[in-house]
Amino acid sequence: MKIALFSDIHANLPALEACLDDIDKHKPDAIYCLGDLVGYNIWPNEVINTIRKRCIPTIAGNYDFGIGRNSDECGCAYKTDDEKAMGKVSISFTNQITGEEERKYLRTLPAHIRVEFQLNDDKLNLLLVHGSPRRINEYIFEDRDEKSLLRIMHDADADILCFGHTHKPYHRILEQTGETTRFRHAINIGSVGKPKDNDTRGCYVLLHINEASSITNKDSIQVEFVRFTYDIEKAAKAIEASPLPDQYADMLRRGY
């Protein structure tokens, strides 16, 4: 089975359209969206309705959760006063332009999606979250302590944990010893519409699970990171022509 996973579009319609066009070329068996459809750009409604039109199963990101409830808090961990001020403009603007039907959709998005496979007498659990299984806005960075990450995955009964939120893609394979050695996979799927890993291209994941996939064979689950180009200038100029801070346009042009 080939599963396409994408996240963190952040109202960047040109990026979403390019992402879906690229995904279609790979003909996946299933497609899932891990949230944060809105914020930081001018197309929250168009992004939401594109996802709805395609009937793509989607979970709530922290920004979706806030906008769905018409809140002035997005659950973002801004580090400086400047970032906080910019973020305040973004969530206010997004609340102003998001339609009521679109807001209702965001409000009803599930917190996670669990997919259970039965392969080779093994139960293989795929868990899709936005931030972490514990909190919608918890950041799981690549340098997370291995014991901490294993504990999070064990408590969530996740053999494969896919998430976004940090906008920085990675794949870590964690070995868990006991009566039987098993492997868990932590996969950050990156960002479609607001990359932060110094690569301006959007990113999504193709997860490959086959009849031989097993929790005891770390190589039997394949993760493919796919980068795609899109019209960055269209997205950046849309920001500059809106009340949003111009710095968000610069972030798209530089990938940070």
C-alpha atoms as a PDB file:
ATOM      1  CA  MET A   1       0.000   0.000   0.000  1.00  0.00           C
ATOM      2  CA  LYS A   2       1.199   3.476  -0.925  1.00  0.00           C
ATOM      3  CA  ILE A   3      -0.058   6.216   1.404  1.00  0.00           C
ATOM      4  CA  ALA A   4       0.379   9.932   0.672  1.00  0.00           C
ATOM      5  CA  LEU A   5       0.608  12.201   3.718  1.00  0.00           C
ATOM      6  CA  PHE A   6       0.792  15.986   3.722  1.00  0.00           C
ATOM      7  CA  SER A   7       0.431  18.760   6.267  1.00  0.00           C
ATOM      8  CA  ASP A   8       0.783  22.446   7.121  1.00  0.00           C
ATOM      9  CA  ILE A   9      -0.617  24.083   3.988  1.00  0.00           C
ATOM     10  CA  HIS A  10      -1.283  27.339   5.839  1.00  0.00           C
ATOM     11  CA  ALA A  11      -3.674  28.880   3.319  1.00  0.00           C
ATOM     12  CA  ASN A  12      -1.102  28.605   0.505  1.00  0.00           C
ATOM     13  CA  LEU A  13      -3.380  27.558  -2.347  1.00  0.00           C
ATOM     14  CA  PRO A  14      -0.708  27.504  -5.112  1.00  0.00           C
ATOM     15  CA  ALA A  15       1.362  25.127  -2.991  1.00  0.00           C
ATOM     16  CA  LEU A  16      -1.605  22.843  -2.234  1.00  0.00           C
ATOM     17  CA  GLU A  17      -2.612  22.636  -5.892  1.00  0.00           C
ATOM     18  CA  ALA A  18       0.942  21.758  -6.921  1.00  0.00           C
ATOM     19  CA  CYS A  19       1.157  19.190  -4.109  1.00  0.00           C
ATOM     20  CA  LEU A  20      -2.053  17.421  -5.114  1.00  0.00           C
ATOM     21  CA  ASP A  21      -1.038  17.417  -8.776  1.00  0.00           C
ATOM     22  CA  ASP A  22       2.250  15.775  -7.803  1.00  0.00           C
ATOM     23  CA  ILE A  23       0.567  13.260  -5.501  1.00  0.00           C
ATOM     24  CA  ASP A  24      -1.808  12.244  -8.296  1.00  0.00           C
ATOM     25  CA  LYS A  25       1.175  11.309 -10.484  1.00  0.00           C
ATOM     26  CA  HIS A  26       2.199   8.699  -7.906  1.00  0.00           C
ATOM     27  CA  LYS A  27      -1.285   7.123  -7.775  1.00  0.00           C
ATOM     28  CA  PRO A  28      -1.391   6.454  -4.004  1.00  0.00           C
ATOM     29  CA  ASP A  29      -3.882   4.046  -2.493  1.00  0.00           C
ATOM     30  CA  ALA A  30      -4.816   6.532   0.226  1.00  0.00           C
ATOM     31  CA  ILE A  31      -4.282  10.211   1.015  1.00  0.00           C
ATOM     32  CA  TYR A  32      -4.379  11.870   4.434  1.00  0.00           C
ATOM     33  CA  CYS A  33      -3.937  15.487   5.542  1.00  0.00           C
ATOM     34  CA  LEU A  34      -2.427  16.160   8.976  1.00  0.00           C
ATOM     35  CA  GLY A  35      -3.817  19.625   9.490  1.00  0.00           C
ATOM     36  CA  ASP A  36      -3.025  23.329   9.641  1.00  0.00           C
ATOM     37  CA  LEU A  37      -4.977  24.220   6.547  1.00  0.00           C
ATOM     38  CA  VAL A  38      -5.181  27.908   7.460  1.00  0.00           C
ATOM     39  CA  GLY A  39      -3.109  30.877   8.632  1.00  0.00           C
ATOM     40  CA  TYR A  40      -0.274  33.018   7.209  1.00  0.00           C
ATOM     41  CA  ASN A  41      -1.735  33.493   3.712  1.00  0.00           C
ATOM     42  CA  ILE A  42      -4.916  34.669   1.957  1.00  0.00           C
ATOM     43  CA  TRP A  43      -6.638  31.459   0.818  1.00  0.00           C
ATOM     44  CA  PRO A  44      -8.014  29.658   3.917  1.00  0.00           C
ATOM     45  CA  ASN A  45     -11.433  29.068   2.357  1.00  0.00           C
ATOM     46  CA  GLU A  46     -10.057  27.891  -0.973  1.00  0.00           C
ATOM     47  CA  VAL A  47      -7.671  25.467   0.737  1.00  0.00           C
ATOM     48  CA  ILE A  48     -10.419  24.081   2.964  1.00  0.00           C
ATOM     49  CA  ASN A  49     -12.791  23.612   0.057  1.00  0.00           C
ATOM     50  CA  THR A  50     -10.137  21.957  -2.095  1.00  0.00           C
ATOM     51  CA  ILE A  51      -9.567  19.400   0.666  1.00  0.00           C
ATOM     52  CA  ARG A  52     -13.302  18.905   1.110  1.00  0.00           C
ATOM     53  CA  LYS A  53     -13.946  18.541  -2.616  1.00  0.00           C
ATOM     54  CA  ARG A  54     -11.352  15.779  -2.795  1.00  0.00           C
ATOM     55  CA  CYS A  55     -12.837  14.083   0.314  1.00  0.00           C
ATOM     56  CA  ILE A  56      -9.377  13.782   1.867  1.00  0.00           C
ATOM     57  CA  PRO A  57      -9.500  12.527   5.479  1.00  0.00           C
ATOM     58  CA  THR A  58      -8.050  15.353   7.557  1.00  0.00           C
ATOM     59  CA  ILE A  59      -7.185  15.978  11.200  1.00  0.00           C
ATOM     60  CA  ALA A  60      -7.136  19.325  12.983  1.00  0.00           C
ATOM     61  CA  GLY A  61      -3.946  21.317  13.301  1.00  0.00           C
ATOM     62  CA  ASN A  62      -3.499  23.810  16.106  1.00  0.00           C
ATOM     63  CA  TYR A  63      -4.263  26.718  13.770  1.00  0.00           C
ATOM     64  CA  ASP A  64      -7.407  24.958  12.515  1.00  0.00           C
ATOM     65  CA  PHE A  65      -8.483  24.369  16.111  1.00  0.00           C
ATOM     66  CA  GLY A  66      -8.178  28.073  16.946  1.00  0.00           C
ATOM     67  CA  ILE A  67      -9.844  29.410  13.798  1.00  0.00           C
ATOM     68  CA  GLY A  68     -12.601  26.823  14.058  1.00  0.00           C
ATOM     69  CA  ARG A  69     -13.531  28.340  17.404  1.00  0.00           C
ATOM     70  CA  ASN A  70     -13.015  31.957  16.308  1.00  0.00           C
ATOM     71  CA  SER A  71     -10.237  32.221  18.874  1.00  0.00           C
ATOM     72  CA  ASP A  72      -7.437  34.771  18.903  1.00  0.00           C
ATOM     73  CA  GLU A  73      -5.035  32.020  20.010  1.00  0.00           C
ATOM     74  CA  CYS A  74      -3.514  29.560  17.528  1.00  0.00           C
ATOM     75  CA  GLY A  75      -1.398  27.551  19.974  1.00  0.00           C
ATOM     76  CA  CYS A  76       1.805  28.598  18.215  1.00  0.00           C
ATOM     77  CA  ALA A  77       5.079  28.793  20.152  1.00  0.00           C
ATOM     78  CA  TYR A  78       6.339  32.183  19.030  1.00  0.00           C
ATOM     79  CA  LYS A  79       9.778  32.918  20.471  1.00  0.00           C
ATOM     80  CA  THR A  80      10.077  36.713  20.203  1.00  0.00           C
ATOM     81  CA  ASP A  81       7.828  39.718  20.679  1.00  0.00           C
ATOM     82  CA  ASP A  82       8.071  40.435  16.938  1.00  0.00           C
ATOM     83  CA  GLU A  83       6.908  36.902  16.109  1.00  0.00           C
ATOM     84  CA  LYS A  84       4.027  37.240  18.567  1.00  0.00           C
ATOM     85  CA  ALA A  85       2.969  40.553  17.008  1.00  0.00           C
ATOM     86  CA  MET A  86       3.097  39.084  13.500  1.00  0.00           C
ATOM     87  CA  GLY A  87       1.157  36.039  14.645  1.00  0.00           C
ATOM     88  CA  LYS A  88      -1.532  38.238  16.170  1.00  0.00           C
ATOM     89  CA  VAL A  89      -2.054  39.929  12.796  1.00  0.00           C
ATOM     90  CA  SER A  90      -2.203  36.558  11.038  1.00  0.00           C
ATOM     91  CA  ILE A  91      -4.825  34.979  13.266  1.00  0.00           C
ATOM     92  CA  SER A  92      -6.931  38.156  13.295  1.00  0.00           C
ATOM     93  CA  PHE A  93      -6.850  38.382   9.497  1.00  0.00           C
ATOM     94  CA  THR A  94      -7.585  34.657   9.109  1.00  0.00           C
ATOM     95  CA  ASN A  95     -10.567  34.935  11.457  1.00  0.00           C
ATOM     96  CA  GLN A  96     -11.885  37.864   9.422  1.00  0.00           C
ATOM     97  CA  ILE A  97     -11.780  36.110   6.051  1.00  0.00           C
ATOM     98  CA  THR A  98     -12.693  32.521   6.984  1.00  0.00           C
ATOM     99  CA  GLY A  99     -16.283  31.688   6.014  1.00  0.00           C
ATOM    100  CA  GLU A 100     -18.787  30.249   8.475  1.00  0.00           C
ATOM    101  CA  GLU A 101     -19.192  26.960   6.614  1.00  0.00           C
ATOM    102  CA  GLU A 102     -15.426  26.581   6.457  1.00  0.00           C
ATOM    103  CA  ARG A 103     -15.149  27.400  10.148  1.00  0.00           C
ATOM    104  CA  LYS A 104     -17.732  24.727  10.995  1.00  0.00           C
ATOM    105  CA  TYR A 105     -15.677  22.204   9.027  1.00  0.00           C
ATOM    106  CA  LEU A 106     -12.508  23.096  10.960  1.00  0.00           C
ATOM    107  CA  ARG A 107     -14.376  22.802  14.249  1.00  0.00           C
ATOM    108  CA  THR A 108     -15.409  19.208  13.549  1.00  0.00           C
ATOM    109  CA  LEU A 109     -12.051  17.847  12.398  1.00  0.00           C
ATOM    110  CA  PRO A 110     -10.836  14.848  14.444  1.00  0.00           C
ATOM    111  CA  ALA A 111      -7.777  15.043  16.694  1.00  0.00           C
ATOM    112  CA  HIS A 112      -6.102  11.985  15.186  1.00  0.00           C
ATOM    113  CA  ILE A 113      -6.581   9.112  12.762  1.00  0.00           C
ATOM    114  CA  ARG A 114      -5.517   5.554  13.616  1.00  0.00           C
ATOM    115  CA  VAL A 115      -5.097   2.886  10.937  1.00  0.00           C
ATOM    116  CA  GLU A 116      -4.489  -0.694  12.090  1.00  0.00           C
ATOM    117  CA  PHE A 117      -2.897  -3.259   9.797  1.00  0.00           C
ATOM    118  CA  GLN A 118      -2.831  -7.037  10.372  1.00  0.00           C
ATOM    119  CA  LEU A 119       0.290  -8.358   8.654  1.00  0.00           C
ATOM    120  CA  ASN A 120       2.375 -11.492   9.276  1.00  0.00           C
ATOM    121  CA  ASP A 121       0.546 -12.172  12.544  1.00  0.00           C
ATOM    122  CA  ASP A 122       1.655  -8.691  13.661  1.00  0.00           C
ATOM    123  CA  LYS A 123      -0.528  -5.753  14.523  1.00  0.00           C
ATOM    124  CA  LEU A 124       0.939  -2.672  12.866  1.00  0.00           C
ATOM    125  CA  ASN A 125      -0.532   0.612  14.094  1.00  0.00           C
ATOM    126  CA  LEU A 126      -0.236   3.787  12.042  1.00  0.00           C
ATOM    127  CA  LEU A 127      -1.149   6.888  14.048  1.00  0.00           C
ATOM    128  CA  LEU A 128      -1.614  10.273  12.376  1.00  0.00           C
ATOM    129  CA  VAL A 129      -1.451  13.375  14.569  1.00  0.00           C
ATOM    130  CA  HIS A 130      -0.632  17.031  14.045  1.00  0.00           C
ATOM    131  CA  GLY A 131       1.792  17.877  16.848  1.00  0.00           C
ATOM    132  CA  SER A 132       2.018  14.774  19.036  1.00  0.00           C
ATOM    133  CA  PRO A 133      -0.363  12.143  20.448  1.00  0.00           C
ATOM    134  CA  ARG A 134      -0.398  14.133  23.677  1.00  0.00           C
ATOM    135  CA  ARG A 135      -1.055  17.675  22.466  1.00  0.00           C
ATOM    136  CA  ILE A 136      -2.085  19.191  19.178  1.00  0.00           C
ATOM    137  CA  ASN A 137       0.604  21.875  19.498  1.00  0.00           C
ATOM    138  CA  GLU A 138       3.490  19.861  20.970  1.00  0.00           C
ATOM    139  CA  TYR A 139       6.632  20.064  18.862  1.00  0.00           C
ATOM    140  CA  ILE A 140       8.519  16.827  18.200  1.00  0.00           C
ATOM    141  CA  PHE A 141      11.839  17.912  16.754  1.00  0.00           C
ATOM    142  CA  GLU A 142      14.375  15.554  15.221  1.00  0.00           C
ATOM    143  CA  ASP A 143      16.733  15.850  18.207  1.00  0.00           C
ATOM    144  CA  ARG A 144      14.067  14.685  20.679  1.00  0.00           C
ATOM    145  CA  ASP A 145      15.574  12.376  23.288  1.00  0.00           C
ATOM    146  CA  GLU A 146      15.104   8.782  22.141  1.00  0.00           C
ATOM    147  CA  LYS A 147      13.694   7.567  25.462  1.00  0.00           C
ATOM    148  CA  SER A 148      11.162  10.390  25.471  1.00  0.00           C
ATOM    149  CA  LEU A 149      10.091   9.694  21.898  1.00  0.00           C
ATOM    150  CA  LEU A 150       9.798   5.960  22.540  1.00  0.00           C
ATOM    151  CA  ARG A 151       7.678   6.643  25.607  1.00  0.00           C
ATOM    152  CA  ILE A 152       5.335   8.895  23.620  1.00  0.00           C
ATOM    153  CA  MET A 153       4.922   6.250  20.910  1.00  0.00           C
ATOM    154  CA  HIS A 154       4.551   3.359  23.376  1.00  0.00           C
ATOM    155  CA  ASP A 155       1.878   5.188  25.368  1.00  0.00           C
ATOM    156  CA  ALA A 156       0.011   5.980  22.123  1.00  0.00           C
ATOM    157  CA  ASP A 157       0.382   2.377  20.844  1.00  0.00           C
ATOM    158  CA  ALA A 158       1.935   3.745  17.637  1.00  0.00           C
ATOM    159  CA  ASP A 159       4.304   1.648  15.558  1.00  0.00           C
ATOM    160  CA  ILE A 160       4.381   4.342  12.885  1.00  0.00           C
ATOM    161  CA  LEU A 161       3.777   7.885  14.112  1.00  0.00           C
ATOM    162  CA  CYS A 162       3.290  10.539  11.429  1.00  0.00           C
ATOM    163  CA  PHE A 163       3.033  14.207  12.320  1.00  0.00           C
ATOM    164  CA  GLY A 164       3.792  17.739  11.138  1.00  0.00           C
ATOM    165  CA  HIS A 165       3.721  21.053  13.037  1.00  0.00           C
ATOM    166  CA  THR A 166       7.484  21.764  13.020  1.00  0.00           C
ATOM    167  CA  HIS A 167       7.599  22.086   9.195  1.00  0.00           C
ATOM    168  CA  LYS A 168      10.911  20.192   9.220  1.00  0.00           C
ATOM    169  CA  PRO A 169      10.791  16.684   7.700  1.00  0.00           C
ATOM    170  CA  TYR A 170      12.658  13.686   9.078  1.00  0.00           C
ATOM    171  CA  HIS A 171      12.386   9.940   9.649  1.00  0.00           C
ATOM    172  CA  ARG A 172      13.741   8.295  12.790  1.00  0.00           C
ATOM    173  CA  ILE A 173      13.753   4.549  13.376  1.00  0.00           C
ATOM    174  CA  LEU A 174      13.782   3.666  17.075  1.00  0.00           C
ATOM    175  CA  GLU A 175      14.753   0.252  18.401  1.00  0.00           C
ATOM    176  CA  GLN A 176      12.813  -1.008  21.401  1.00  0.00           C
ATOM    177  CA  THR A 177      14.273  -4.024  23.165  1.00  0.00           C
ATOM    178  CA  GLY A 178      12.431  -6.530  25.286  1.00  0.00           C
ATOM    179  CA  GLU A 179      11.364 -10.139  24.860  1.00  0.00           C
ATOM    180  CA  THR A 180      11.294  -9.322  21.160  1.00  0.00           C
ATOM    181  CA  THR A 181      13.165  -6.465  19.544  1.00  0.00           C
ATOM    182  CA  ARG A 182      10.778  -4.198  17.681  1.00  0.00           C
ATOM    183  CA  PHE A 183      11.129  -0.995  15.706  1.00  0.00           C
ATOM    184  CA  ARG A 184       9.035   2.164  15.766  1.00  0.00           C
ATOM    185  CA  HIS A 185       9.037   4.840  13.074  1.00  0.00           C
ATOM    186  CA  ALA A 186       8.676   8.555  13.837  1.00  0.00           C
ATOM    187  CA  ILE A 187       8.006  10.534  10.665  1.00  0.00           C
ATOM    188  CA  ASN A 188       7.673  14.280  10.368  1.00  0.00           C
ATOM    189  CA  ILE A 189       6.114  14.824   6.955  1.00  0.00           C
ATOM    190  CA  GLY A 190       7.233  18.430   6.503  1.00  0.00           C
ATOM    191  CA  SER A 191       5.151  21.304   5.191  1.00  0.00           C
ATOM    192  CA  VAL A 192       3.312  21.907   1.940  1.00  0.00           C
ATOM    193  CA  GLY A 193       2.858  25.654   2.183  1.00  0.00           C
ATOM    194  CA  LYS A 194       5.369  27.030   4.699  1.00  0.00           C
ATOM    195  CA  PRO A 195       8.660  25.069   4.693  1.00  0.00           C
ATOM    196  CA  LYS A 196      11.146  25.879   7.454  1.00  0.00           C
ATOM    197  CA  ASP A 197      14.089  23.649   6.524  1.00  0.00           C
ATOM    198  CA  ASN A 198      15.807  26.117   4.178  1.00  0.00           C
ATOM    199  CA  ASP A 199      14.294  24.397   1.150  1.00  0.00           C
ATOM    200  CA  THR A 200      11.654  26.551  -0.537  1.00  0.00           C
ATOM    201  CA  ARG A 201       9.973  23.566  -2.151  1.00  0.00           C
ATOM    202  CA  GLY A 202       6.911  22.025  -0.567  1.00  0.00           C
ATOM    203  CA  CYS A 203       7.217  18.565   0.979  1.00  0.00           C
ATOM    204  CA  TYR A 204       5.010  15.523   1.511  1.00  0.00           C
ATOM    205  CA  VAL A 205       5.568  11.829   2.249  1.00  0.00           C
ATOM    206  CA  LEU A 206       4.822   8.593   0.468  1.00  0.00           C
ATOM    207  CA  LEU A 207       4.632   5.801   3.037  1.00  0.00           C
ATOM    208  CA  HIS A 208       5.091   2.296   1.606  1.00  0.00           C
ATOM    209  CA  ILE A 209       3.617  -0.640   3.529  1.00  0.00           C
ATOM    210  CA  ASN A 210       3.531  -4.090   1.933  1.00  0.00           C
ATOM    211  CA  GLU A 211       2.604  -7.639   2.813  1.00  0.00           C
ATOM    212  CA  ALA A 212       6.056  -8.222   4.331  1.00  0.00           C
ATOM    213  CA  SER A 213       6.009  -5.137   6.580  1.00  0.00           C
ATOM    214  CA  SER A 214       6.629  -6.007  10.222  1.00  0.00           C
ATOM    215  CA  ILE A 215       7.412  -4.341  13.526  1.00  0.00           C
ATOM    216  CA  THR A 216      10.462  -6.618  13.773  1.00  0.00           C
ATOM    217  CA  ASN A 217      11.999  -5.598  10.439  1.00  0.00           C
ATOM    218  CA  LYS A 218      13.024  -1.952  10.366  1.00  0.00           C
ATOM    219  CA  ASP A 219      13.591  -1.969   6.603  1.00  0.00           C
ATOM    220  CA  SER A 220      10.154  -3.335   5.703  1.00  0.00           C
ATOM    221  CA  ILE A 221       8.536   0.098   6.007  1.00  0.00           C
ATOM    222  CA  GLN A 222       9.731   2.621   3.447  1.00  0.00           C
ATOM    223  CA  VAL A 223       9.419   6.393   3.749  1.00  0.00           C
ATOM    224  CA  GLU A 224       9.841   8.596   0.681  1.00  0.00           C
ATOM    225  CA  PHE A 225      10.095  12.369   1.075  1.00  0.00           C
ATOM    226  CA  VAL A 226       8.843  14.114  -2.053  1.00  0.00           C
ATOM    227  CA  ARG A 227       9.718  17.739  -2.794  1.00  0.00           C
ATOM    228  CA  PHE A 228       7.774  19.738  -5.358  1.00  0.00           C
ATOM    229  CA  THR A 229       7.983  23.232  -6.800  1.00  0.00           C
ATOM    230  CA  TYR A 230       5.139  25.723  -6.932  1.00  0.00           C
ATOM    231  CA  ASP A 231       4.576  29.375  -7.802  1.00  0.00           C
ATOM    232  CA  ILE A 232       6.255  30.923  -4.759  1.00  0.00           C
ATOM    233  CA  GLU A 233       6.000  34.442  -6.136  1.00  0.00           C
ATOM    234  CA  LYS A 234       2.225  34.166  -6.500  1.00  0.00           C
ATOM    235  CA  ALA A 235       1.954  33.134  -2.862  1.00  0.00           C
ATOM    236  CA  ALA A 236       4.458  35.729  -1.649  1.00  0.00           C
ATOM    237  CA  LYS A 237       2.927  38.620  -3.576  1.00  0.00           C
ATOM    238  CA  ALA A 238      -0.514  37.689  -2.267  1.00  0.00           C
ATOM    239  CA  ILE A 239       0.831  38.167   1.252  1.00  0.00           C
ATOM    240  CA  GLU A 240       2.393  41.507   0.355  1.00  0.00           C
ATOM    241  CA  ALA A 241      -0.903  42.725  -1.099  1.00  0.00           C
ATOM    242  CA  SER A 242      -2.764  41.798   2.108  1.00  0.00           C
ATOM    243  CA  PRO A 243      -2.711  43.064   5.710  1.00  0.00           C
ATOM    244  CA  LEU A 244      -0.368  40.172   6.598  1.00  0.00           C
ATOM    245  CA  PRO A 245       3.239  41.034   7.523  1.00  0.00           C
ATOM    246  CA  ASP A 246       5.616  41.080   4.545  1.00  0.00           C
ATOM    247  CA  GLN A 247       8.012  38.897   6.539  1.00  0.00           C
ATOM    248  CA  TYR A 248       5.780  35.911   5.776  1.00  0.00           C
ATOM    249  CA  ALA A 249       6.451  36.468   2.061  1.00  0.00           C
ATOM    250  CA  ASP A 250      10.184  36.554   2.757  1.00  0.00           C
ATOM    251  CA  MET A 251       9.882  33.266   4.657  1.00  0.00           C
ATOM    252  CA  LEU A 252       8.367  31.587   1.599  1.00  0.00           C
ATOM    253  CA  ARG A 253      11.098  32.934  -0.662  1.00  0.00           C
ATOM    254  CA  ARG A 254      13.827  31.700   1.676  1.00  0.00           C
ATOM    255  CA  GLY A 255      12.305  28.560   3.185  1.00  0.00           C
ATOM    256  CA  TYR A 256      12.540  29.369   6.865  1.00  0.00           C
END
